[in-house]
């Protein structure tokens, strides 16, 4: 049933004016991929610094809240750019990703990674959190799991290009 829904979606997108505009110009998809990859670099740099700070492996003299305030918004902006460029890439080549299980794993992992990363903000929002230099063990564990989730997102994103579509998917 899911494949049938995706088939209808793919057929609808393939005939759209935006698909024709993206697929009809050889430079658009590589440009979108370049912006996507650069946004991955921004997001991962911020996420790495945030989570390494929470764990206590970087920026040890800075309060955790200060590091969160400095890097969480650039990460959020980069993720929004990733969302936009990802949607445009799917519109340009709808069958390339959406019929691969690893794409859906990537989306689920991305939601988890974002939730774990953003969950640190309320933990360090209070008066004592604003000055916290050493995070609690639970926050460190969340940060470690978040880092692993972000790494899994990147691996899954690269894997999409090499994964076979599932049975019944259009070619």
N, C-alpha and C. Protein backbone atom coordinates (compact mmCIF):
# COMPACT_ATOMS: atom_id res chain seq x y z
N UNK A 1 0.81 -1.19 0.00
CA UNK A 1 0.00 0.00 0.00
C UNK A 1 0.86 1.26 0.00
N UNK A 2 1.94 1.25 0.83
CA UNK A 2 2.83 2.39 0.88
C UNK A 2 3.46 2.64 -0.49
N UNK A 3 3.84 1.56 -1.17
CA UNK A 3 4.44 1.70 -2.50
C UNK A 3 3.45 2.30 -3.47
N UNK A 4 2.18 1.91 -3.38
CA UNK A 4 1.16 2.46 -4.28
C UNK A 4 0.99 3.96 -4.05
N UNK A 5 0.99 4.36 -2.80
CA UNK A 5 0.87 5.80 -2.49
C UNK A 5 2.07 6.55 -3.03
N UNK A 6 3.26 5.99 -2.81
CA UNK A 6 4.47 6.64 -3.32
C UNK A 6 4.49 6.67 -4.84
N UNK A 7 3.98 5.61 -5.48
CA UNK A 7 3.89 5.60 -6.95
C UNK A 7 3.01 6.74 -7.45
N UNK A 8 1.87 6.93 -6.82
CA UNK A 8 0.98 8.03 -7.22
C UNK A 8 1.65 9.38 -6.99
N UNK A 9 2.31 9.52 -5.84
CA UNK A 9 3.03 10.76 -5.54
C UNK A 9 4.12 11.00 -6.58
N UNK A 10 4.88 9.98 -6.88
CA UNK A 10 5.97 10.11 -7.86
C UNK A 10 5.43 10.50 -9.23
N UNK A 11 4.34 9.87 -9.65
CA UNK A 11 3.74 10.21 -10.94
C UNK A 11 3.26 11.66 -10.96
N UNK A 12 2.65 12.10 -9.86
CA UNK A 12 2.16 13.47 -9.77
C UNK A 12 3.32 14.47 -9.82
N UNK A 13 4.38 14.18 -9.04
CA UNK A 13 5.54 15.09 -9.00
C UNK A 13 6.23 15.12 -10.35
N UNK A 14 6.35 13.97 -11.00
CA UNK A 14 7.07 13.90 -12.26
C UNK A 14 6.43 14.79 -13.33
N UNK A 15 5.16 14.99 -13.27
CA UNK A 15 4.51 15.84 -14.25
C UNK A 15 4.38 17.29 -13.85
N UNK A 16 4.93 17.66 -12.71
CA UNK A 16 4.77 19.03 -12.22
C UNK A 16 5.72 19.99 -12.93
N UNK A 17 5.37 21.26 -12.90
CA UNK A 17 6.21 22.27 -13.52
C UNK A 17 7.55 22.40 -12.80
N UNK A 18 7.55 22.18 -11.47
CA UNK A 18 8.80 22.29 -10.72
C UNK A 18 9.74 21.15 -11.06
N UNK A 19 9.20 19.94 -11.23
CA UNK A 19 10.02 18.81 -11.66
C UNK A 19 10.65 19.11 -13.02
N UNK A 20 9.86 19.63 -13.92
CA UNK A 20 10.39 19.94 -15.25
C UNK A 20 11.44 21.04 -15.18
N UNK A 21 11.25 22.01 -14.32
CA UNK A 21 12.23 23.09 -14.17
C UNK A 21 13.54 22.57 -13.58
N UNK A 22 13.45 21.65 -12.62
CA UNK A 22 14.66 21.11 -11.99
C UNK A 22 15.34 20.10 -12.91
N UNK A 23 14.57 19.15 -13.41
CA UNK A 23 15.15 18.09 -14.24
C UNK A 23 15.55 18.59 -15.63
N UNK A 24 14.96 19.69 -16.06
CA UNK A 24 15.24 20.21 -17.40
C UNK A 24 16.52 21.01 -17.52
N UNK A 25 17.20 21.24 -16.41
CA UNK A 25 18.46 21.98 -16.44
C UNK A 25 19.54 21.14 -15.78
N UNK A 26 20.58 20.84 -16.50
CA UNK A 26 21.62 19.94 -16.00
C UNK A 26 22.35 20.45 -14.75
N UNK A 27 22.34 21.74 -14.51
CA UNK A 27 23.09 22.30 -13.40
C UNK A 27 22.31 22.36 -12.09
N UNK A 28 21.00 22.22 -12.13
CA UNK A 28 20.20 22.45 -10.92
C UNK A 28 20.43 21.36 -9.86
N UNK A 29 20.36 20.10 -10.24
CA UNK A 29 20.54 19.03 -9.25
C UNK A 29 21.94 19.07 -8.63
N UNK A 30 23.02 19.21 -9.41
CA UNK A 30 24.33 19.34 -8.76
C UNK A 30 24.43 20.57 -7.86
N UNK A 31 23.80 21.67 -8.24
CA UNK A 31 23.81 22.86 -7.38
C UNK A 31 23.07 22.57 -6.07
N UNK A 32 21.93 21.92 -6.16
CA UNK A 32 21.18 21.56 -4.96
C UNK A 32 21.98 20.60 -4.07
N UNK A 33 22.65 19.65 -4.70
CA UNK A 33 23.46 18.70 -3.93
C UNK A 33 24.62 19.41 -3.23
N UNK A 34 25.23 20.38 -3.90
CA UNK A 34 26.32 21.13 -3.31
C UNK A 34 25.84 21.92 -2.09
N UNK A 35 24.73 22.61 -2.23
CA UNK A 35 24.16 23.37 -1.11
C UNK A 35 23.78 22.42 0.02
N UNK A 36 23.23 21.27 -0.34
CA UNK A 36 22.84 20.26 0.65
C UNK A 36 24.06 19.80 1.45
N UNK A 37 25.14 19.48 0.76
CA UNK A 37 26.35 18.99 1.42
C UNK A 37 26.99 20.07 2.29
N UNK A 38 27.02 21.31 1.80
CA UNK A 38 27.56 22.40 2.61
C UNK A 38 26.71 22.62 3.87
N UNK A 39 25.41 22.47 3.74
CA UNK A 39 24.52 22.60 4.90
C UNK A 39 24.73 21.44 5.88
N UNK A 40 25.02 20.26 5.37
CA UNK A 40 25.37 19.13 6.24
C UNK A 40 26.60 19.49 7.06
N UNK A 41 27.59 20.10 6.40
CA UNK A 41 28.82 20.48 7.11
C UNK A 41 28.53 21.48 8.22
N UNK A 42 27.69 22.47 7.95
CA UNK A 42 27.34 23.46 8.98
C UNK A 42 26.60 22.79 10.13
N UNK A 43 25.59 21.98 9.79
CA UNK A 43 24.80 21.31 10.83
C UNK A 43 25.68 20.40 11.69
N UNK A 44 26.50 19.59 11.04
CA UNK A 44 27.32 18.65 11.79
C UNK A 44 28.38 19.35 12.62
N UNK A 45 28.93 20.44 12.12
CA UNK A 45 29.92 21.18 12.92
C UNK A 45 29.28 21.69 14.20
N UNK A 46 28.12 22.30 14.08
CA UNK A 46 27.42 22.80 15.26
C UNK A 46 27.02 21.70 16.22
N UNK A 47 26.46 20.63 15.66
CA UNK A 47 26.02 19.50 16.48
C UNK A 47 27.21 18.87 17.20
N UNK A 48 28.31 18.74 16.50
CA UNK A 48 29.51 18.17 17.10
C UNK A 48 29.98 19.03 18.28
N UNK A 49 30.05 20.35 18.07
CA UNK A 49 30.50 21.24 19.14
C UNK A 49 29.54 21.25 20.33
N UNK A 50 28.24 21.25 20.04
CA UNK A 50 27.25 21.22 21.12
C UNK A 50 27.39 19.95 21.95
N UNK A 51 27.37 18.82 21.28
CA UNK A 51 27.36 17.55 22.00
C UNK A 51 28.70 17.23 22.65
N UNK A 52 29.80 17.62 21.99
CA UNK A 52 31.10 17.43 22.65
C UNK A 52 31.21 18.32 23.89
N UNK A 53 30.60 19.50 23.86
CA UNK A 53 30.60 20.37 25.05
C UNK A 53 29.78 19.76 26.17
N UNK A 54 28.62 19.24 25.84
CA UNK A 54 27.78 18.62 26.87
C UNK A 54 28.51 17.42 27.49
N UNK A 55 29.16 16.63 26.66
CA UNK A 55 29.90 15.47 27.16
C UNK A 55 31.09 15.91 28.02
N UNK A 56 31.64 17.10 27.68
CA UNK A 56 32.78 17.61 28.44
C UNK A 56 34.11 17.43 27.72
N UNK A 57 34.06 17.20 26.41
CA UNK A 57 35.27 16.97 25.64
C UNK A 57 35.72 18.20 24.85
N UNK A 58 34.97 19.28 24.91
CA UNK A 58 35.33 20.51 24.18
C UNK A 58 34.78 21.71 24.93
N UNK A 59 35.42 22.87 24.75
CA UNK A 59 34.94 24.14 25.31
C UNK A 59 34.61 24.02 26.80
N UNK A 60 35.45 23.34 27.55
CA UNK A 60 35.16 23.04 28.96
C UNK A 60 35.00 24.28 29.83
N UNK A 61 35.59 25.39 29.43
CA UNK A 61 35.50 26.60 30.26
C UNK A 61 34.22 27.38 29.99
N UNK A 62 33.49 27.02 28.94
CA UNK A 62 32.26 27.71 28.57
C UNK A 62 31.06 27.03 29.21
N UNK A 63 30.11 27.82 29.71
CA UNK A 63 28.87 27.19 30.18
C UNK A 63 28.17 26.48 29.01
N UNK A 64 27.55 25.37 29.32
CA UNK A 64 26.87 24.59 28.27
C UNK A 64 25.84 25.47 27.56
N UNK A 65 25.11 26.26 28.32
CA UNK A 65 24.07 27.12 27.74
C UNK A 65 24.65 28.08 26.70
N UNK A 66 25.84 28.61 26.95
CA UNK A 66 26.47 29.54 26.01
C UNK A 66 26.79 28.83 24.69
N UNK A 67 27.26 27.61 24.79
CA UNK A 67 27.57 26.84 23.57
C UNK A 67 26.28 26.50 22.82
N UNK A 68 25.25 26.11 23.55
CA UNK A 68 23.95 25.85 22.92
C UNK A 68 23.43 27.11 22.22
N UNK A 69 23.50 28.26 22.91
CA UNK A 69 23.01 29.51 22.31
C UNK A 69 23.81 29.87 21.06
N UNK A 70 25.10 29.59 21.07
CA UNK A 70 25.95 29.96 19.95
C UNK A 70 25.71 29.06 18.72
N UNK A 71 25.48 27.78 18.93
CA UNK A 71 25.46 26.85 17.79
C UNK A 71 24.10 26.27 17.42
N UNK A 72 23.12 26.32 18.31
CA UNK A 72 21.84 25.69 18.02
C UNK A 72 21.09 26.38 16.88
N UNK A 73 21.16 27.70 16.81
CA UNK A 73 20.44 28.40 15.74
C UNK A 73 21.09 28.20 14.37
N UNK A 74 22.42 28.24 14.23
CA UNK A 74 23.00 27.89 12.93
C UNK A 74 22.67 26.46 12.50
N UNK A 75 22.64 25.54 13.47
CA UNK A 75 22.25 24.16 13.16
C UNK A 75 20.82 24.13 12.65
N UNK A 76 19.94 24.85 13.31
CA UNK A 76 18.53 24.89 12.90
C UNK A 76 18.39 25.48 11.51
N UNK A 77 19.09 26.57 11.23
CA UNK A 77 19.04 27.17 9.91
C UNK A 77 19.56 26.19 8.85
N UNK A 78 20.68 25.53 9.15
CA UNK A 78 21.24 24.56 8.21
C UNK A 78 20.26 23.41 7.96
N UNK A 79 19.58 22.96 9.00
CA UNK A 79 18.60 21.87 8.83
C UNK A 79 17.43 22.34 7.96
N UNK A 80 17.01 23.59 8.11
CA UNK A 80 15.94 24.12 7.24
C UNK A 80 16.40 24.18 5.79
N UNK A 81 17.65 24.57 5.55
CA UNK A 81 18.20 24.56 4.19
C UNK A 81 18.27 23.12 3.68
N UNK A 82 18.67 22.19 4.54
CA UNK A 82 18.69 20.78 4.16
C UNK A 82 17.30 20.28 3.77
N UNK A 83 16.31 20.69 4.53
CA UNK A 83 14.94 20.30 4.23
C UNK A 83 14.52 20.83 2.86
N UNK A 84 14.78 22.10 2.62
CA UNK A 84 14.41 22.71 1.34
C UNK A 84 15.15 22.06 0.17
N UNK A 85 16.47 21.92 0.28
CA UNK A 85 17.23 21.33 -0.83
C UNK A 85 16.88 19.86 -1.00
N UNK A 86 16.60 19.17 0.09
CA UNK A 86 16.20 17.76 -0.01
C UNK A 86 14.88 17.60 -0.72
N UNK A 87 13.91 18.45 -0.37
CA UNK A 87 12.60 18.40 -1.05
C UNK A 87 12.76 18.71 -2.53
N UNK A 88 13.56 19.72 -2.84
CA UNK A 88 13.76 20.07 -4.26
C UNK A 88 14.46 18.94 -5.02
N UNK A 89 15.40 18.26 -4.38
CA UNK A 89 16.05 17.13 -5.02
C UNK A 89 15.06 15.99 -5.28
N UNK A 90 14.19 15.76 -4.32
CA UNK A 90 13.17 14.71 -4.51
C UNK A 90 12.22 15.10 -5.63
N UNK A 91 11.84 16.36 -5.70
CA UNK A 91 10.96 16.81 -6.79
C UNK A 91 11.67 16.65 -8.12
N UNK A 92 12.96 16.94 -8.17
CA UNK A 92 13.71 16.81 -9.42
C UNK A 92 13.91 15.38 -9.86
N UNK A 93 14.09 14.48 -8.90
CA UNK A 93 14.30 13.06 -9.19
C UNK A 93 13.52 12.22 -8.17
N UNK A 94 12.20 12.16 -8.31
CA UNK A 94 11.39 11.54 -7.25
C UNK A 94 11.66 10.06 -7.00
N UNK A 95 12.10 9.32 -7.99
CA UNK A 95 12.30 7.89 -7.80
C UNK A 95 13.65 7.55 -7.21
N UNK A 96 14.52 8.52 -7.12
CA UNK A 96 15.89 8.26 -6.68
C UNK A 96 15.99 7.89 -5.19
N UNK A 97 15.18 8.48 -4.35
CA UNK A 97 15.32 8.24 -2.91
C UNK A 97 14.09 7.62 -2.26
N UNK A 98 12.91 8.06 -2.64
CA UNK A 98 11.73 7.70 -1.85
C UNK A 98 11.35 6.22 -1.91
N UNK A 99 11.91 5.48 -2.84
CA UNK A 99 11.60 4.05 -2.94
C UNK A 99 12.74 3.20 -2.37
N UNK A 100 13.52 3.78 -1.49
CA UNK A 100 14.59 3.08 -0.82
C UNK A 100 14.36 3.13 0.69
N UNK A 101 14.40 1.97 1.31
CA UNK A 101 14.15 1.91 2.76
C UNK A 101 15.13 2.76 3.54
N UNK A 102 16.37 2.83 3.07
CA UNK A 102 17.38 3.60 3.79
C UNK A 102 17.02 5.08 3.84
N UNK A 103 16.32 5.60 2.85
CA UNK A 103 15.86 7.00 2.87
C UNK A 103 14.92 7.22 4.06
N UNK A 104 14.00 6.30 4.26
CA UNK A 104 13.04 6.43 5.35
C UNK A 104 13.72 6.23 6.70
N UNK A 105 14.73 5.37 6.76
CA UNK A 105 15.53 5.24 7.97
C UNK A 105 16.23 6.56 8.26
N UNK A 106 16.78 7.17 7.22
CA UNK A 106 17.47 8.46 7.40
C UNK A 106 16.50 9.50 7.96
N UNK A 107 15.30 9.57 7.44
CA UNK A 107 14.33 10.56 7.92
C UNK A 107 13.99 10.32 9.39
N UNK A 108 13.79 9.06 9.77
CA UNK A 108 13.51 8.74 11.17
C UNK A 108 14.68 9.07 12.08
N UNK A 109 15.88 8.74 11.64
CA UNK A 109 17.08 9.06 12.41
C UNK A 109 17.27 10.57 12.54
N UNK A 110 16.94 11.31 11.47
CA UNK A 110 17.07 12.76 11.51
C UNK A 110 16.13 13.37 12.55
N UNK A 111 14.90 12.89 12.58
CA UNK A 111 13.94 13.38 13.58
C UNK A 111 14.47 13.08 14.99
N UNK A 112 14.98 11.87 15.19
CA UNK A 112 15.52 11.50 16.50
C UNK A 112 16.73 12.35 16.86
N UNK A 113 17.64 12.55 15.90
CA UNK A 113 18.84 13.35 16.16
C UNK A 113 18.48 14.79 16.50
N UNK A 114 17.55 15.35 15.76
CA UNK A 114 17.11 16.73 16.05
C UNK A 114 16.47 16.81 17.44
N UNK A 115 15.60 15.86 17.75
CA UNK A 115 14.93 15.87 19.06
C UNK A 115 15.95 15.75 20.19
N UNK A 116 16.92 14.86 20.03
CA UNK A 116 17.93 14.68 21.07
C UNK A 116 18.78 15.94 21.24
N UNK A 117 19.16 16.54 20.13
CA UNK A 117 19.98 17.75 20.20
C UNK A 117 19.20 18.90 20.83
N UNK A 118 17.97 19.12 20.37
CA UNK A 118 17.16 20.21 20.92
C UNK A 118 16.73 19.94 22.36
N UNK A 119 16.68 18.68 22.76
CA UNK A 119 16.26 18.37 24.13
C UNK A 119 17.23 18.90 25.16
N UNK A 120 18.44 19.20 24.76
CA UNK A 120 19.43 19.73 25.70
C UNK A 120 19.10 21.17 26.11
N UNK A 121 18.42 21.90 25.23
CA UNK A 121 18.15 23.32 25.50
C UNK A 121 17.35 23.53 26.79
N UNK A 122 16.21 22.86 26.98
CA UNK A 122 15.47 23.10 28.22
C UNK A 122 16.22 22.63 29.47
N UNK A 123 17.09 21.64 29.32
CA UNK A 123 17.85 21.14 30.47
C UNK A 123 18.76 22.23 31.02
N UNK A 124 19.31 23.04 30.11
CA UNK A 124 20.25 24.09 30.53
C UNK A 124 19.64 25.48 30.47
N UNK A 125 18.32 25.57 30.52
CA UNK A 125 17.63 26.85 30.39
C UNK A 125 17.49 27.60 31.70
N UNK A 126 17.49 26.89 32.83
CA UNK A 126 17.26 27.54 34.12
C UNK A 126 18.46 28.35 34.59
N UNK A 127 18.31 28.96 35.74
CA UNK A 127 19.38 29.79 36.30
C UNK A 127 20.66 29.00 36.52
N UNK A 128 20.53 27.80 37.12
CA UNK A 128 21.73 27.01 37.34
C UNK A 128 22.25 26.42 36.04
N UNK A 129 21.36 26.16 35.07
CA UNK A 129 21.78 25.64 33.78
C UNK A 129 22.56 26.64 32.96
N UNK A 130 22.27 27.93 33.17
CA UNK A 130 22.97 28.96 32.41
C UNK A 130 24.45 29.00 32.77
N UNK A 131 24.79 28.59 33.98
CA UNK A 131 26.18 28.62 34.42
C UNK A 131 26.82 27.23 34.47
N UNK A 132 26.07 26.21 34.08
CA UNK A 132 26.56 24.85 34.20
C UNK A 132 27.83 24.63 33.38
N UNK A 133 28.86 24.19 34.05
CA UNK A 133 30.11 23.87 33.38
C UNK A 133 30.20 22.36 33.20
N UNK A 134 29.69 21.61 34.16
CA UNK A 134 29.70 20.15 34.09
C UNK A 134 28.26 19.68 33.95
N UNK A 135 27.99 18.94 32.89
CA UNK A 135 26.64 18.41 32.65
C UNK A 135 26.42 17.15 33.48
N UNK A 136 25.17 16.88 33.74
CA UNK A 136 24.80 15.66 34.47
C UNK A 136 25.06 14.44 33.57
N UNK A 137 25.23 13.28 34.18
CA UNK A 137 25.48 12.06 33.39
C UNK A 137 24.36 11.78 32.37
N UNK A 138 23.12 12.04 32.73
CA UNK A 138 22.01 11.79 31.79
C UNK A 138 22.14 12.68 30.56
N UNK A 139 22.52 13.94 30.75
CA UNK A 139 22.71 14.86 29.62
C UNK A 139 23.87 14.40 28.75
N UNK A 140 24.92 13.90 29.38
CA UNK A 140 26.07 13.39 28.62
C UNK A 140 25.67 12.18 27.77
N UNK A 141 24.84 11.32 28.34
CA UNK A 141 24.37 10.15 27.59
C UNK A 141 23.51 10.58 26.41
N UNK A 142 22.62 11.54 26.63
CA UNK A 142 21.79 12.05 25.53
C UNK A 142 22.68 12.65 24.44
N UNK A 143 23.70 13.39 24.83
CA UNK A 143 24.61 13.99 23.86
C UNK A 143 25.35 12.92 23.05
N UNK A 144 25.79 11.86 23.72
CA UNK A 144 26.48 10.78 23.02
C UNK A 144 25.55 10.07 22.04
N UNK A 145 24.34 9.79 22.47
CA UNK A 145 23.35 9.16 21.59
C UNK A 145 23.02 10.08 20.42
N UNK A 146 22.91 11.38 20.68
CA UNK A 146 22.65 12.35 19.61
C UNK A 146 23.77 12.34 18.58
N UNK A 147 25.02 12.32 19.05
CA UNK A 147 26.15 12.25 18.11
C UNK A 147 26.08 11.00 17.25
N UNK A 148 25.79 9.88 17.87
CA UNK A 148 25.68 8.63 17.12
C UNK A 148 24.53 8.69 16.12
N UNK A 149 23.42 9.31 16.51
CA UNK A 149 22.28 9.45 15.60
C UNK A 149 22.65 10.33 14.41
N UNK A 150 23.37 11.43 14.65
CA UNK A 150 23.79 12.30 13.54
C UNK A 150 24.74 11.57 12.59
N UNK A 151 25.64 10.80 13.15
CA UNK A 151 26.55 10.01 12.30
C UNK A 151 25.75 9.02 11.47
N UNK A 152 24.76 8.39 12.07
CA UNK A 152 23.90 7.45 11.34
C UNK A 152 23.12 8.16 10.23
N UNK A 153 22.69 9.40 10.47
CA UNK A 153 21.99 10.17 9.43
C UNK A 153 22.90 10.36 8.22
N UNK A 154 24.14 10.74 8.48
CA UNK A 154 25.10 10.97 7.37
C UNK A 154 25.37 9.67 6.63
N UNK A 155 25.60 8.60 7.35
CA UNK A 155 25.85 7.30 6.70
C UNK A 155 24.65 6.89 5.86
N UNK A 156 23.46 7.02 6.41
CA UNK A 156 22.25 6.66 5.67
C UNK A 156 22.09 7.54 4.44
N UNK A 157 22.40 8.83 4.57
CA UNK A 157 22.30 9.73 3.43
C UNK A 157 23.22 9.32 2.29
N UNK A 158 24.44 8.92 2.61
CA UNK A 158 25.37 8.45 1.57
C UNK A 158 24.92 7.11 1.01
N UNK A 159 24.33 6.28 1.84
CA UNK A 159 23.93 4.93 1.44
C UNK A 159 22.79 4.97 0.42
N UNK A 160 21.99 6.01 0.44
CA UNK A 160 20.85 6.12 -0.49
C UNK A 160 21.30 5.93 -1.93
N UNK A 161 22.42 6.51 -2.29
CA UNK A 161 22.90 6.43 -3.67
C UNK A 161 23.24 5.01 -4.10
N UNK A 162 23.52 4.15 -3.14
CA UNK A 162 23.98 2.79 -3.46
C UNK A 162 22.94 1.72 -3.18
N UNK A 163 21.85 2.08 -2.53
CA UNK A 163 20.82 1.11 -2.18
C UNK A 163 19.91 0.84 -3.37
N UNK A 164 19.47 -0.38 -3.45
CA UNK A 164 18.50 -0.74 -4.49
C UNK A 164 17.10 -0.35 -4.04
N UNK A 165 16.24 0.02 -4.99
CA UNK A 165 14.86 0.30 -4.61
C UNK A 165 14.17 -0.98 -4.19
N UNK A 166 13.10 -0.83 -3.42
CA UNK A 166 12.38 -2.02 -2.99
C UNK A 166 11.55 -2.58 -4.15
N UNK A 167 11.12 -3.85 -4.03
CA UNK A 167 10.33 -4.46 -5.10
C UNK A 167 9.04 -3.69 -5.39
N UNK A 168 8.73 -3.52 -6.65
CA UNK A 168 7.53 -2.82 -7.05
C UNK A 168 7.73 -1.33 -7.27
N UNK A 169 8.94 -0.86 -7.01
CA UNK A 169 9.23 0.56 -7.20
C UNK A 169 9.48 0.84 -8.68
N UNK A 170 9.12 2.02 -9.14
CA UNK A 170 9.41 2.36 -10.54
C UNK A 170 10.90 2.52 -10.76
N UNK A 171 11.33 2.30 -11.95
CA UNK A 171 12.78 2.39 -12.24
C UNK A 171 13.17 3.77 -12.70
